[in-house]
C-alpha atoms as a PDB file:
ATOM      1  CA  MET A   1       0.075  -0.066   0.028  1.00  0.00           C
ATOM      2  CA  SER A   2       1.088   3.667  -0.769  1.00  0.00           C
ATOM      3  CA  ASN A   3      -0.762   5.135   2.019  1.00  0.00           C
ATOM      4  CA  ARG A   4      -1.061   8.032  -0.392  1.00  0.00           C
ATOM      5  CA  GLN A   5      -4.146  10.296   0.273  1.00  0.00           C
ATOM      6  CA  VAL A   6      -7.018  11.045  -2.723  1.00  0.00           C
ATOM      7  CA  LEU A   7      -9.523  14.093  -2.646  1.00  0.00           C
ATOM      8  CA  LEU A   8     -11.909  13.290  -5.550  1.00  0.00           C
ATOM      9  CA  TYR A   9     -13.615  16.730  -6.120  1.00  0.00           C
ATOM     10  CA  PHE A  10     -17.099  16.968  -7.594  1.00  0.00           C
ATOM     11  CA  ALA A  11     -17.200  20.846  -8.829  1.00  0.00           C
ATOM     12  CA  TRP A  12     -20.762  21.050  -9.290  1.00  0.00           C
ATOM     13  CA  SER A  13     -23.252  23.064  -7.465  1.00  0.00           C
ATOM     14  CA  ARG A  14     -25.955  20.111  -7.052  1.00  0.00           C
ATOM     15  CA  PRO A  15     -28.867  23.074  -6.573  1.00  0.00           C
ATOM     16  CA  ALA A  16     -27.523  24.910  -9.781  1.00  0.00           C
ATOM     17  CA  GLU A  17     -27.858  21.646 -11.488  1.00  0.00           C
ATOM     18  CA  THR A  18     -31.246  19.719 -10.529  1.00  0.00           C
ATOM     19  CA  SER A  19     -33.138  23.147 -10.825  1.00  0.00           C
ATOM     20  CA  ALA A  20     -32.637  23.334 -14.391  1.00  0.00           C
ATOM     21  CA  PRO A  21     -35.883  23.976 -16.430  1.00  0.00           C
ATOM     22  CA  PHE A  22     -36.933  20.713 -18.220  1.00  0.00           C
ATOM     23  CA  ALA A  23     -38.422  22.699 -20.945  1.00  0.00           C
ATOM     24  CA  VAL A  24     -34.751  23.745 -21.928  1.00  0.00           C
ATOM     25  CA  ILE A  25     -32.789  21.151 -23.223  1.00  0.00           C
ATOM     26  CA  ASP A  26     -29.501  22.446 -23.629  1.00  0.00           C
ATOM     27  CA  ASP A  27     -26.527  23.077 -20.778  1.00  0.00           C
ATOM     28  CA  ARG A  28     -28.170  20.350 -18.173  1.00  0.00           C
ATOM     29  CA  PHE A  29     -27.657  17.231 -17.527  1.00  0.00           C
ATOM     30  CA  PRO A  30     -30.462  14.937 -18.153  1.00  0.00           C
ATOM     31  CA  ALA A  31     -33.140  13.580 -15.948  1.00  0.00           C
ATOM     32  CA  VAL A  32     -33.582   9.643 -14.992  1.00  0.00           C
ATOM     33  CA  PHE A  33     -36.919   9.508 -16.877  1.00  0.00           C
ATOM     34  CA  GLU A  34     -35.387  11.050 -19.836  1.00  0.00           C
ATOM     35  CA  LEU A  35     -32.734   8.591 -20.136  1.00  0.00           C
ATOM     36  CA  ARG A  36     -35.591   5.703 -19.450  1.00  0.00           C
ATOM     37  CA  ARG A  37     -37.059   6.976 -22.475  1.00  0.00           C
ATOM     38  CA  LEU A  38     -34.336   7.701 -24.306  1.00  0.00           C
ATOM     39  CA  PHE A  39     -32.587   4.700 -23.868  1.00  0.00           C
ATOM     40  CA  TYR A  40     -35.112   1.938 -22.899  1.00  0.00           C
ATOM     41  CA  PRO A  41     -34.589  -0.591 -21.600  1.00  0.00           C
ATOM     42  CA  LYS A  42     -30.924   0.099 -20.349  1.00  0.00           C
ATOM     43  CA  PHE A  43     -31.962   2.166 -17.347  1.00  0.00           C
ATOM     44  CA  GLU A  44     -35.223   0.597 -16.170  1.00  0.00           C
ATOM     45  CA  SER A  45     -33.653  -0.612 -12.893  1.00  0.00           C
ATOM     46  CA  LEU A  46     -34.274   3.011 -11.808  1.00  0.00           C
ATOM     47  CA  SER A  47     -37.976   2.943 -12.426  1.00  0.00           C
ATOM     48  CA  GLY A  48     -40.321   1.932  -9.882  1.00  0.00           C
ATOM     49  CA  ARG A  49     -38.216   2.976  -7.089  1.00  0.00           C
ATOM     50  CA  GLY A  50     -39.112   5.181  -4.472  1.00  0.00           C
ATOM     51  CA  ASP A  51     -35.454   6.071  -3.741  1.00  0.00           C
ATOM     52  CA  VAL A  52     -34.509   7.213  -7.298  1.00  0.00           C
ATOM     53  CA  ASP A  53     -35.422  10.940  -8.036  1.00  0.00           C
ATOM     54  CA  GLN A  54     -36.473  10.911 -11.720  1.00  0.00           C
ATOM     55  CA  GLY A  55     -35.108  14.405 -11.986  1.00  0.00           C
ATOM     56  CA  ILE A  56     -31.500  15.275 -12.419  1.00  0.00           C
ATOM     57  CA  GLY A  57     -30.768  14.577  -8.833  1.00  0.00           C
ATOM     58  CA  GLY A  58     -31.276  11.331  -9.376  1.00  0.00           C
ATOM     59  CA  PHE A  59     -29.311  11.084 -12.463  1.00  0.00           C
ATOM     60  CA  LEU A  60     -26.209  12.537 -10.564  1.00  0.00           C
ATOM     61  CA  ASP A  61     -26.960  10.322  -7.606  1.00  0.00           C
ATOM     62  CA  HIS A  62     -27.431   6.981  -9.108  1.00  0.00           C
ATOM     63  CA  VAL A  63     -25.717   7.346 -12.782  1.00  0.00           C
ATOM     64  CA  GLN A  64     -22.755  10.067 -12.804  1.00  0.00           C
ATOM     65  CA  LYS A  65     -21.100   9.439  -9.185  1.00  0.00           C
ATOM     66  CA  PRO A  66     -21.310   5.932  -9.531  1.00  0.00           C
ATOM     67  CA  ASN A  67     -19.303   5.967 -12.638  1.00  0.00           C
ATOM     68  CA  PHE A  68     -16.316   7.206 -10.180  1.00  0.00           C
ATOM     69  CA  ALA A  69     -17.315   4.533  -7.607  1.00  0.00           C
ATOM     70  CA  ALA A  70     -14.404   1.915  -9.574  1.00  0.00           C
ATOM     71  CA  PHE A  71     -11.744   4.507  -9.366  1.00  0.00           C
ATOM     72  CA  ALA A  72     -12.296   5.673  -5.649  1.00  0.00           C
ATOM     73  CA  GLU A  73     -12.637   1.592  -4.833  1.00  0.00           C
ATOM     74  CA  GLN A  74      -9.404   0.883  -6.392  1.00  0.00           C
ATOM     75  CA  ALA A  75      -7.559   3.904  -4.555  1.00  0.00           C
ATOM     76  CA  GLU A  76      -8.586   2.678  -1.156  1.00  0.00           C
ATOM     77  CA  ALA A  77      -7.587  -0.312  -1.703  1.00  0.00           C
ATOM     78  CA  LEU A  78      -4.122   0.373  -3.084  1.00  0.00           C
ATOM     79  CA  THR A  79      -3.290   3.254  -0.619  1.00  0.00           C
ATOM     80  CA  GLY A  80      -4.994   1.498   2.365  1.00  0.00           C
ATOM     81  CA  ASN A  81      -6.965   5.041   2.719  1.00  0.00           C
ATOM     82  CA  THR A  82     -10.358   6.117   2.154  1.00  0.00           C
ATOM     83  CA  VAL A  83     -10.845   8.427  -0.169  1.00  0.00           C
ATOM     84  CA  ILE A  84     -11.787  12.163   0.784  1.00  0.00           C
ATOM     85  CA  GLN A  85     -15.162  13.025  -1.919  1.00  0.00           C
ATOM     86  CA  ALA A  86     -16.807  16.180  -1.537  1.00  0.00           C
ATOM     87  CA  GLU A  87     -19.183  18.160  -3.488  1.00  0.00           C
ATOM     88  CA  ARG A  88     -18.755  21.852  -4.468  1.00  0.00           C
ATOM     89  CA  VAL A  89     -22.286  22.761  -2.991  1.00  0.00           C
ATOM     90  CA  SER A  90     -24.439  19.959  -1.739  1.00  0.00           C
ATOM     91  CA  ASP A  91     -28.150  19.858  -1.796  1.00  0.00           C
ATOM     92  CA  ASP A  92     -28.937  21.990   1.040  1.00  0.00           C
ATOM     93  CA  GLY A  93     -26.776  24.580  -0.391  1.00  0.00           C
ATOM     94  CA  VAL A  94     -23.594  24.228   2.022  1.00  0.00           C
ATOM     95  CA  LYS A  95     -20.759  25.027  -0.304  1.00  0.00           C
ATOM     96  CA  THR A  96     -17.194  23.070   0.201  1.00  0.00           C
ATOM     97  CA  PRO A  97     -14.474  25.087  -1.366  1.00  0.00           C
ATOM     98  CA  LEU A  98     -11.277  23.582  -2.734  1.00  0.00           C
ATOM     99  CA  ASP A  99      -9.391  25.347   0.274  1.00  0.00           C
ATOM    100  CA  ASP A 100      -6.205  24.524   2.896  1.00  0.00           C
ATOM    101  CA  ALA A 101      -9.056  23.096   4.843  1.00  0.00           C
ATOM    102  CA  LEU A 102     -10.352  20.625   2.271  1.00  0.00           C
ATOM    103  CA  ILE A 103      -6.796  19.575   0.903  1.00  0.00           C
ATOM    104  CA  ALA A 104      -4.773  19.912   4.258  1.00  0.00           C
ATOM    105  CA  ASP A 105      -3.917  16.066   4.489  1.00  0.00           C
ATOM    106  CA  ALA A 106      -4.093  15.174   0.480  1.00  0.00           C
ATOM    107  CA  ASP A 107      -1.096  14.629  -1.602  1.00  0.00           C
ATOM    108  CA  THR A 108      -3.522  13.749  -4.992  1.00  0.00           C
ATOM    109  CA  ILE A 109      -5.933  15.274  -5.910  1.00  0.00           C
ATOM    110  CA  VAL A 110      -8.636  14.822  -8.878  1.00  0.00           C
ATOM    111  CA  VAL A 111     -11.432  17.513  -9.958  1.00  0.00           C
ATOM    112  CA  ILE A 112     -14.233  16.182 -11.857  1.00  0.00           C
ATOM    113  CA  SER A 113     -15.623  19.604 -13.383  1.00  0.00           C
ATOM    114  CA  PHE A 114     -18.774  18.293 -14.648  1.00  0.00           C
ATOM    115  CA  ASP A 115     -20.297  21.645 -13.604  1.00  0.00           C
ATOM    116  CA  SER A 116     -22.372  22.729 -16.566  1.00  0.00           C
ATOM    117  CA  PHE A 117     -21.242  26.166 -18.093  1.00  0.00           C
ATOM    118  CA  ARG A 118     -24.942  27.572 -17.011  1.00  0.00           C
ATOM    119  CA  THR A 119     -24.163  27.233 -13.512  1.00  0.00           C
ATOM    120  CA  GLY A 120     -21.235  29.673 -13.686  1.00  0.00           C
ATOM    121  CA  GLN A 121     -18.889  27.557 -10.990  1.00  0.00           C
ATOM    122  CA  ALA A 122     -15.479  29.218 -10.793  1.00  0.00           C
ATOM    123  CA  THR A 123     -12.510  29.419  -8.177  1.00  0.00           C
ATOM    124  CA  ALA A 124     -12.436  32.075  -5.432  1.00  0.00           C
ATOM    125  CA  GLU A 125      -8.661  33.876  -5.065  1.00  0.00           C
ATOM    126  CA  MET A 126      -8.191  31.632  -1.898  1.00  0.00           C
ATOM    127  CA  GLU A 127      -8.569  28.742  -3.631  1.00  0.00           C
ATOM    128  CA  VAL A 128      -6.636  29.339  -6.479  1.00  0.00           C
ATOM    129  CA  GLU A 129      -3.786  30.218  -3.668  1.00  0.00           C
ATOM    130  CA  ALA A 130      -3.980  27.072  -1.701  1.00  0.00           C
ATOM    131  CA  ILE A 131      -3.486  24.905  -5.007  1.00  0.00           C
ATOM    132  CA  ARG A 132      -0.704  26.763  -5.624  1.00  0.00           C
ATOM    133  CA  ARG A 133       0.920  26.100  -1.787  1.00  0.00           C
ATOM    134  CA  PHE A 134       0.004  22.591  -2.609  1.00  0.00           C
ATOM    135  CA  LEU A 135       1.882  22.654  -5.655  1.00  0.00           C
ATOM    136  CA  ASP A 136       4.842  23.776  -3.681  1.00  0.00           C
ATOM    137  CA  SER A 137       5.368  20.474  -2.672  1.00  0.00           C
ATOM    138  CA  PRO A 138       7.321  17.921  -5.264  1.00  0.00           C
ATOM    139  CA  ASP A 139       5.150  15.182  -3.901  1.00  0.00           C
ATOM    140  CA  HIS A 140       1.888  16.447  -4.925  1.00  0.00           C
ATOM    141  CA  LEU A 141      -0.086  15.593  -7.923  1.00  0.00           C
ATOM    142  CA  ILE A 142      -3.505  17.304  -9.053  1.00  0.00           C
ATOM    143  CA  PHE A 143      -5.842  16.240 -12.128  1.00  0.00           C
ATOM    144  CA  VAL A 144      -8.057  18.806 -13.403  1.00  0.00           C
ATOM    145  CA  CYS A 145     -10.586  17.271 -15.398  1.00  0.00           C
ATOM    146  CA  PRO A 146     -13.282  19.369 -17.484  1.00  0.00           C
ATOM    147  CA  HIS A 147     -15.876  17.953 -20.127  1.00  0.00           C
ATOM    148  CA  HIS A 148     -16.856  18.214 -23.574  1.00  0.00           C
ATOM    149  CA  ASP A 149     -17.927  21.723 -24.757  1.00  0.00           C
ATOM    150  CA  VAL A 150     -20.225  20.741 -27.323  1.00  0.00           C
ATOM    151  CA  GLY A 151     -22.145  22.775 -29.765  1.00  0.00           C
ATOM    152  CA  GLU A 152     -20.293  26.148 -28.805  1.00  0.00           C
ATOM    153  CA  THR A 153     -21.418  28.554 -31.979  1.00  0.00           C
ATOM    154  CA  ALA A 154     -19.700  31.801 -30.786  1.00  0.00           C
ATOM    155  CA  GLY A 155     -19.907  34.646 -33.349  1.00  0.00           C
ATOM    156  CA  ALA A 156     -22.614  32.197 -35.320  1.00  0.00           C
ATOM    157  CA  ALA A 157     -26.241  32.963 -35.731  1.00  0.00           C
ATOM    158  CA  GLY A 158     -29.392  31.705 -37.635  1.00  0.00           C
ATOM    159  CA  GLN A 159     -28.707  28.700 -40.072  1.00  0.00           C
ATOM    160  CA  GLU A 160     -24.970  28.877 -39.541  1.00  0.00           C
ATOM    161  CA  ARG A 161     -25.290  28.233 -36.258  1.00  0.00           C
ATOM    162  CA  GLU A 162     -27.867  25.275 -36.681  1.00  0.00           C
ATOM    163  CA  ASP A 163     -25.765  23.640 -39.357  1.00  0.00           C
ATOM    164  CA  ARG A 164     -22.726  24.075 -36.922  1.00  0.00           C
ATOM    165  CA  GLN A 165     -24.191  22.444 -33.966  1.00  0.00           C
ATOM    166  CA  ILE A 166     -25.604  19.597 -36.033  1.00  0.00           C
ATOM    167  CA  ALA A 167     -22.533  18.650 -37.782  1.00  0.00           C
ATOM    168  CA  GLU A 168     -21.261  18.438 -34.083  1.00  0.00           C
ATOM    169  CA  HIS A 169     -24.140  16.581 -33.017  1.00  0.00           C
ATOM    170  CA  LEU A 170     -23.977  14.007 -36.288  1.00  0.00           C
ATOM    171  CA  HIS A 171     -19.866  13.403 -35.558  1.00  0.00           C
ATOM    172  CA  HIS A 172     -19.956  12.157 -31.956  1.00  0.00           C
ATOM    173  CA  GLY A 173     -23.793  10.591 -32.492  1.00  0.00           C
ATOM    174  CA  ASP A 174     -25.029  10.341 -28.830  1.00  0.00           C
ATOM    175  CA  PRO A 175     -28.694  11.140 -28.637  1.00  0.00           C
ATOM    176  CA  GLY A 176     -28.415  11.641 -25.593  1.00  0.00           C
ATOM    177  CA  ILE A 177     -26.429  15.089 -25.972  1.00  0.00           C
ATOM    178  CA  PRO A 178     -28.347  18.223 -26.660  1.00  0.00           C
ATOM    179  CA  PRO A 179     -27.126  20.660 -29.251  1.00  0.00           C
ATOM    180  CA  ARG A 180     -25.384  22.954 -26.728  1.00  0.00           C
ATOM    181  CA  GLN A 181     -23.738  21.462 -23.716  1.00  0.00           C
ATOM    182  CA  GLY A 182     -20.609  22.643 -22.233  1.00  0.00           C
ATOM    183  CA  PHE A 183     -19.087  21.481 -18.695  1.00  0.00           C
ATOM    184  CA  GLY A 184     -15.693  22.412 -16.898  1.00  0.00           C
ATOM    185  CA  GLY A 185     -16.151  26.249 -16.194  1.00  0.00           C
ATOM    186  CA  PHE A 186     -14.626  25.144 -12.559  1.00  0.00           C
ATOM    187  CA  ALA A 187     -11.747  23.453 -14.476  1.00  0.00           C
ATOM    188  CA  ARG A 188     -10.985  26.566 -17.028  1.00  0.00           C
ATOM    189  CA  SER A 189     -11.401  28.845 -13.803  1.00  0.00           C
ATOM    190  CA  LEU A 190      -8.740  26.766 -11.464  1.00  0.00           C
ATOM    191  CA  LEU A 191      -6.105  26.462 -14.633  1.00  0.00           C
ATOM    192  CA  ALA A 192      -6.598  29.699 -15.867  1.00  0.00           C
ATOM    193  CA  GLY A 193      -5.595  31.046 -12.406  1.00  0.00           C
ATOM    194  CA  LEU A 194      -2.541  29.083 -11.585  1.00  0.00           C
ATOM    195  CA  GLY A 195      -1.286  30.809 -15.086  1.00  0.00           C
ATOM    196  CA  THR A 196      -2.007  27.535 -17.357  1.00  0.00           C
ATOM    197  CA  PRO A 197      -5.191  28.782 -19.095  1.00  0.00           C
ATOM    198  CA  VAL A 198      -6.440  25.406 -20.883  1.00  0.00           C
ATOM    199  CA  GLU A 199     -10.029  25.457 -22.670  1.00  0.00           C
ATOM    200  CA  ASN A 200     -11.926  22.084 -23.352  1.00  0.00           C
ATOM    201  CA  ARG A 201     -12.637  22.236 -26.964  1.00  0.00           C
ATOM    202  CA  PHE A 202     -15.652  20.551 -28.556  1.00  0.00           C
ATOM    203  CA  GLY A 203     -16.792  16.578 -28.153  1.00  0.00           C
ATOM    204  CA  LEU A 204     -14.780  14.477 -30.567  1.00  0.00           C
ATOM    205  CA  ARG A 205     -15.422  10.762 -31.281  1.00  0.00           C
ATOM    206  CA  PRO A 206     -12.305   8.799 -30.654  1.00  0.00           C
ATOM    207  CA  ALA A 207     -11.134   5.891 -32.987  1.00  0.00           C
ATOM    208  CA  ILE A 208     -11.862   2.364 -32.622  1.00  0.00           C
ATOM    209  CA  THR A 209      -9.548  -0.716 -33.485  1.00  0.00           C
ATOM    210  CA  ALA A 210     -10.809  -3.054 -35.767  1.00  0.00           C
ATOM    211  CA  ASP A 211     -12.092  -5.417 -32.628  1.00  0.00           C
ATOM    212  CA  GLY A 212     -14.188  -2.454 -31.541  1.00  0.00           C
ATOM    213  CA  ALA A 213     -11.403  -1.507 -28.406  1.00  0.00           C
ATOM    214  CA  PRO A 214     -10.325   2.109 -27.935  1.00  0.00           C
ATOM    215  CA  ALA A 215      -7.320   2.986 -30.420  1.00  0.00           C
ATOM    216  CA  PRO A 216      -3.868   3.100 -28.770  1.00  0.00           C
ATOM    217  CA  VAL A 217      -3.026   6.867 -27.915  1.00  0.00           C
ATOM    218  CA  GLU A 218      -0.011   8.430 -28.775  1.00  0.00           C
ATOM    219  CA  ILE A 219       2.330   8.906 -25.678  1.00  0.00           C
ATOM    220  CA  ASP A 220       5.282  11.146 -25.282  1.00  0.00           C
ATOM    221  CA  HIS A 221       7.108   8.683 -22.999  1.00  0.00           C
ATOM    222  CA  SER A 222      10.154  10.699 -22.680  1.00  0.00           C
ATOM    223  CA  LEU A 223       7.885  13.156 -20.901  1.00  0.00           C
ATOM    224  CA  ASP A 224       6.300  10.875 -18.512  1.00  0.00           C
ATOM    225  CA  VAL A 225       8.800  11.866 -15.429  1.00  0.00           C
ATOM    226  CA  LEU A 226       6.193   9.906 -13.053  1.00  0.00           C
ATOM    227  CA  GLY A 227       5.558   6.995 -14.749  1.00  0.00           C
ATOM    228  CA  LEU A 228       1.665   7.515 -15.087  1.00  0.00           C
ATOM    229  CA  LEU A 229       1.295   6.069 -18.805  1.00  0.00           C
ATOM    230  CA  ARG A 230       4.002   2.884 -17.791  1.00  0.00           C
ATOM    231  CA  GLY A 231       1.713  -0.151 -19.056  1.00  0.00           C
ATOM    232  CA  VAL A 232      -0.972   1.856 -20.598  1.00  0.00           C
ATOM    233  CA  GLU A 233      -1.845   1.594 -24.132  1.00  0.00           C
ATOM    234  CA  ALA A 234      -5.346   3.612 -24.642  1.00  0.00           C
ATOM    235  CA  PHE A 235      -8.132   5.470 -22.579  1.00  0.00           C
ATOM    236  CA  ASN A 236     -11.743   5.071 -23.285  1.00  0.00           C
ATOM    237  CA  LEU A 237     -14.800   5.541 -25.900  1.00  0.00           C
ATOM    238  CA  HIS A 238     -16.588   8.063 -24.643  1.00  0.00           C
ATOM    239  CA  PRO A 239     -18.119   9.487 -27.774  1.00  0.00           C
ATOM    240  CA  HIS A 240     -17.372  13.269 -27.242  1.00  0.00           C
ATOM    241  CA  LEU A 241     -14.260  13.796 -25.982  1.00  0.00           C
ATOM    242  CA  PRO A 242     -12.642  17.313 -25.825  1.00  0.00           C
ATOM    243  CA  HIS A 243      -9.137  18.788 -27.352  1.00  0.00           C
ATOM    244  CA  LEU A 244      -7.564  20.275 -24.539  1.00  0.00           C
ATOM    245  CA  GLU A 245      -6.500  23.949 -25.956  1.00  0.00           C
ATOM    246  CA  ARG A 246      -3.403  25.357 -24.140  1.00  0.00           C
ATOM    247  CA  ILE A 247      -3.988  29.015 -24.173  1.00  0.00           C
ATOM    248  CA  GLY A 248      -1.323  32.038 -23.758  1.00  0.00           C
ATOM    249  CA  ALA A 249       1.312  30.800 -21.297  1.00  0.00           C
ATOM    250  CA  ALA A 250      -0.137  27.520 -21.081  1.00  0.00           C
ATOM    251  CA  THR A 251       1.438  26.848 -24.453  1.00  0.00           C
ATOM    252  CA  GLU A 252       5.119  27.388 -22.535  1.00  0.00           C
ATOM    253  CA  ARG A 253       4.021  25.896 -18.962  1.00  0.00           C
ATOM    254  CA  MET A 254       1.916  22.995 -20.099  1.00  0.00           C
ATOM    255  CA  GLU A 255       3.127  20.002 -22.344  1.00  0.00           C
ATOM    256  CA  VAL A 256       1.056  17.401 -24.242  1.00  0.00           C
ATOM    257  CA  LEU A 257       1.752  14.025 -22.663  1.00  0.00           C
ATOM    258  CA  ALA A 258      -0.722  11.906 -24.859  1.00  0.00           C
ATOM    259  CA  ARG A 259      -2.942  12.540 -27.734  1.00  0.00           C
ATOM    260  CA  GLN A 260      -6.110  10.489 -29.078  1.00  0.00           C
ATOM    261  CA  ALA A 261      -6.852   9.571 -32.580  1.00  0.00           C
ATOM    262  CA  ILE A 262     -10.291  10.986 -33.901  1.00  0.00           C
ATOM    263  CA  ASP A 263     -12.561   8.300 -35.553  1.00  0.00           C
ATOM    264  CA  PRO A 264     -11.826   8.298 -39.232  1.00  0.00           C
ATOM    265  CA  ASP A 265     -15.180   6.885 -40.297  1.00  0.00           C
ATOM    266  CA  ALA A 266     -16.805   9.832 -37.805  1.00  0.00           C
ATOM    267  CA  PRO A 267     -18.639  12.390 -39.879  1.00  0.00           C
ATOM    268  CA  PRO A 268     -17.021  15.274 -40.446  1.00  0.00           C
ATOM    269  CA  HIS A 269     -16.524  17.706 -37.715  1.00  0.00           C
ATOM    270  CA  PRO A 270     -14.956  21.251 -38.004  1.00  0.00           C
ATOM    271  CA  PHE A 271     -11.972  20.609 -35.992  1.00  0.00           C
ATOM    272  CA  THR A 272     -11.139  17.827 -39.090  1.00  0.00           C
ATOM    273  CA  GLN A 273     -11.326  20.265 -41.395  1.00  0.00           C
ATOM    274  CA  ASP A 274      -7.872  21.338 -41.491  1.00  0.00           C
ATOM    275  CA  GLY A 275      -6.570  17.421 -41.458  1.00  0.00           C
ATOM    276  CA  ARG A 276      -6.536  17.213 -37.624  1.00  0.00           C
ATOM    277  CA  SER A 277      -6.573  13.854 -36.885  1.00  0.00           C
ATOM    278  CA  THR A 278      -5.634  13.708 -33.027  1.00  0.00           C
ATOM    279  CA  PHE A 279      -6.850  15.782 -29.903  1.00  0.00           C
ATOM    280  CA  ASP A 280      -4.388  16.840 -26.961  1.00  0.00           C
ATOM    281  CA  ALA A 281      -5.946  14.370 -24.719  1.00  0.00           C
ATOM    282  CA  LEU A 282      -3.492  14.541 -21.675  1.00  0.00           C
ATOM    283  CA  LEU A 283      -1.594  17.650 -20.763  1.00  0.00           C
ATOM    284  CA  GLN A 284       0.891  18.073 -17.910  1.00  0.00           C
ATOM    285  CA  SER A 285       2.772  21.119 -16.345  1.00  0.00           C
ATOM    286  CA  ARG A 286       6.543  21.322 -17.320  1.00  0.00           C
ATOM    287  CA  PRO A 287       9.199  21.170 -14.742  1.00  0.00           C
ATOM    288  CA  ASP A 288       9.764  24.482 -14.444  1.00  0.00           C
ATOM    289  CA  ALA A 289       5.878  25.583 -13.969  1.00  0.00           C
ATOM    290  CA  PHE A 290       5.453  23.876 -10.200  1.00  0.00           C
ATOM    291  CA  ALA A 291       7.260  21.887  -8.019  1.00  0.00           C
ATOM    292  CA  GLY A 292       4.374  19.299  -7.722  1.00  0.00           C
ATOM    293  CA  LYS A 293       2.585  17.866 -11.246  1.00  0.00           C
ATOM    294  CA  LEU A 294      -0.816  19.272 -12.565  1.00  0.00           C
ATOM    295  CA  LEU A 295      -2.090  17.738 -15.177  1.00  0.00           C
ATOM    296  CA  ALA A 296      -5.408  18.249 -17.209  1.00  0.00           C
ATOM    297  CA  CYS A 297      -7.348  15.623 -18.779  1.00  0.00           C
ATOM    298  CA  ASP A 298     -11.519  14.570 -19.620  1.00  0.00           C
ATOM    299  CA  THR A 299     -13.357  13.587 -16.814  1.00  0.00           C
ATOM    300  CA  THR A 300     -13.686  10.095 -18.031  1.00  0.00           C
ATOM    301  CA  ILE A 301     -10.219   9.162 -17.811  1.00  0.00           C
ATOM    302  CA  PHE A 302     -11.225   8.950 -14.075  1.00  0.00           C
ATOM    303  CA  SER A 303     -14.563   6.928 -15.014  1.00  0.00           C
ATOM    304  CA  SER A 304     -15.298   3.165 -15.623  1.00  0.00           C
ATOM    305  CA  THR A 305     -18.159   3.652 -18.216  1.00  0.00           C
ATOM    306  CA  ALA A 306     -16.834   3.820 -21.519  1.00  0.00           C
ATOM    307  CA  GLY A 307     -14.597   1.171 -22.398  1.00  0.00           C
ATOM    308  CA  GLY A 308     -10.734   0.757 -22.306  1.00  0.00           C
ATOM    309  CA  VAL A 309     -10.844  -0.245 -18.196  1.00  0.00           C
ATOM    310  CA  ASP A 310      -8.075  -2.270 -17.826  1.00  0.00           C
ATOM    311  CA  ASN A 311      -5.723   0.595 -19.240  1.00  0.00           C
ATOM    312  CA  LEU A 312      -7.705   2.991 -16.977  1.00  0.00           C
ATOM    313  CA  ARG A 313      -6.744   1.092 -13.781  1.00  0.00           C
ATOM    314  CA  GLN A 314      -3.334   0.744 -14.978  1.00  0.00           C
ATOM    315  CA  LEU A 315      -3.337   4.365 -15.158  1.00  0.00           C
ATOM    316  CA  TRP A 316      -4.754   5.049 -11.647  1.00  0.00           C
ATOM    317  CA  SER A 317      -2.624   2.348 -10.208  1.00  0.00           C
ATOM    318  CA  ASN A 318       0.513   4.170 -11.351  1.00  0.00           C
ATOM    319  CA  LEU A 319      -1.181   7.434  -9.991  1.00  0.00           C
ATOM    320  CA  VAL A 320      -1.331   6.486  -6.400  1.00  0.00           C
ATOM    321  CA  LEU A 321       1.805   3.947  -6.035  1.00  0.00           C
ATOM    322  CA  ARG A 322       4.036   6.740  -8.124  1.00  0.00           C
ATOM    323  CA  SER A 323       7.019   6.917  -5.903  1.00  0.00           C
ATOM    324  CA  ARG A 324       7.530   9.614  -3.440  1.00  0.00           C
ATOM    325  CA  ARG A 325       9.731  12.687  -4.390  1.00  0.00           C
ATOM    326  CA  PRO A 326      11.272  14.801  -1.328  1.00  0.00           C
END
């Protein structure tokens, strides 16, 4: 056992997410009853039970959070310590900031930034400073994980906007995703506050092998100083994954550790029109950026529901069993 202490931080506001109007399909999580109708009979186990909210709250509790249970269970088995889990704002409106008090005992932090842009989650200065102090230790590591930004059409209107969103929707092919759905405002805010601005662009369909498995990722092993990708060949097949675009200072302070191939058989996407065949899937801070290590990836790297689980379990093991650094 490594005796490491892992913190799993869900950066959403439950009241802001669960109160989204059902009449608006964009920029919100689905409700359980919507999943049951759209994907029948996949989610019928959640019907007819008094303990399952058929709204968005039920989705968060019975679909979304369980996606990360396998990571927490494996981390606990390998460290001997219970994974600290916290939601940014709970149902009763109580806020748990990502501050010194919460992270005091952690040496490994995973921020699941599955917060809708609509809810406006952003870091306070004291949270950014707490993470800066956290990264002053060479032994500390934080993964900041936004999800996709599907259907962003800034500067477009009318038919142009509709055509762009339809093209993106056809590319990823997931009927459960509306024309416009963006997650990860908290992640963007934190990364910008740390002087490493990164924006999670689009929702791209990853490539598969002939047998339907996730295609191998392109790894720069010369940069993998912590051995996080040792024995890892692929990530997962979540159908809408973001390109992690480094902005401004991040181009100098963050490096691309792994790229993932885009499905060449998927319908065209604006991102691929200039010949792009891969997207930046895993970033890490350069050695001179922080004493510790900052990484950015999609939230589904820590989820067990989109294939590639054996590879992901190897990554999780490498993460929590990494060598101590003085």
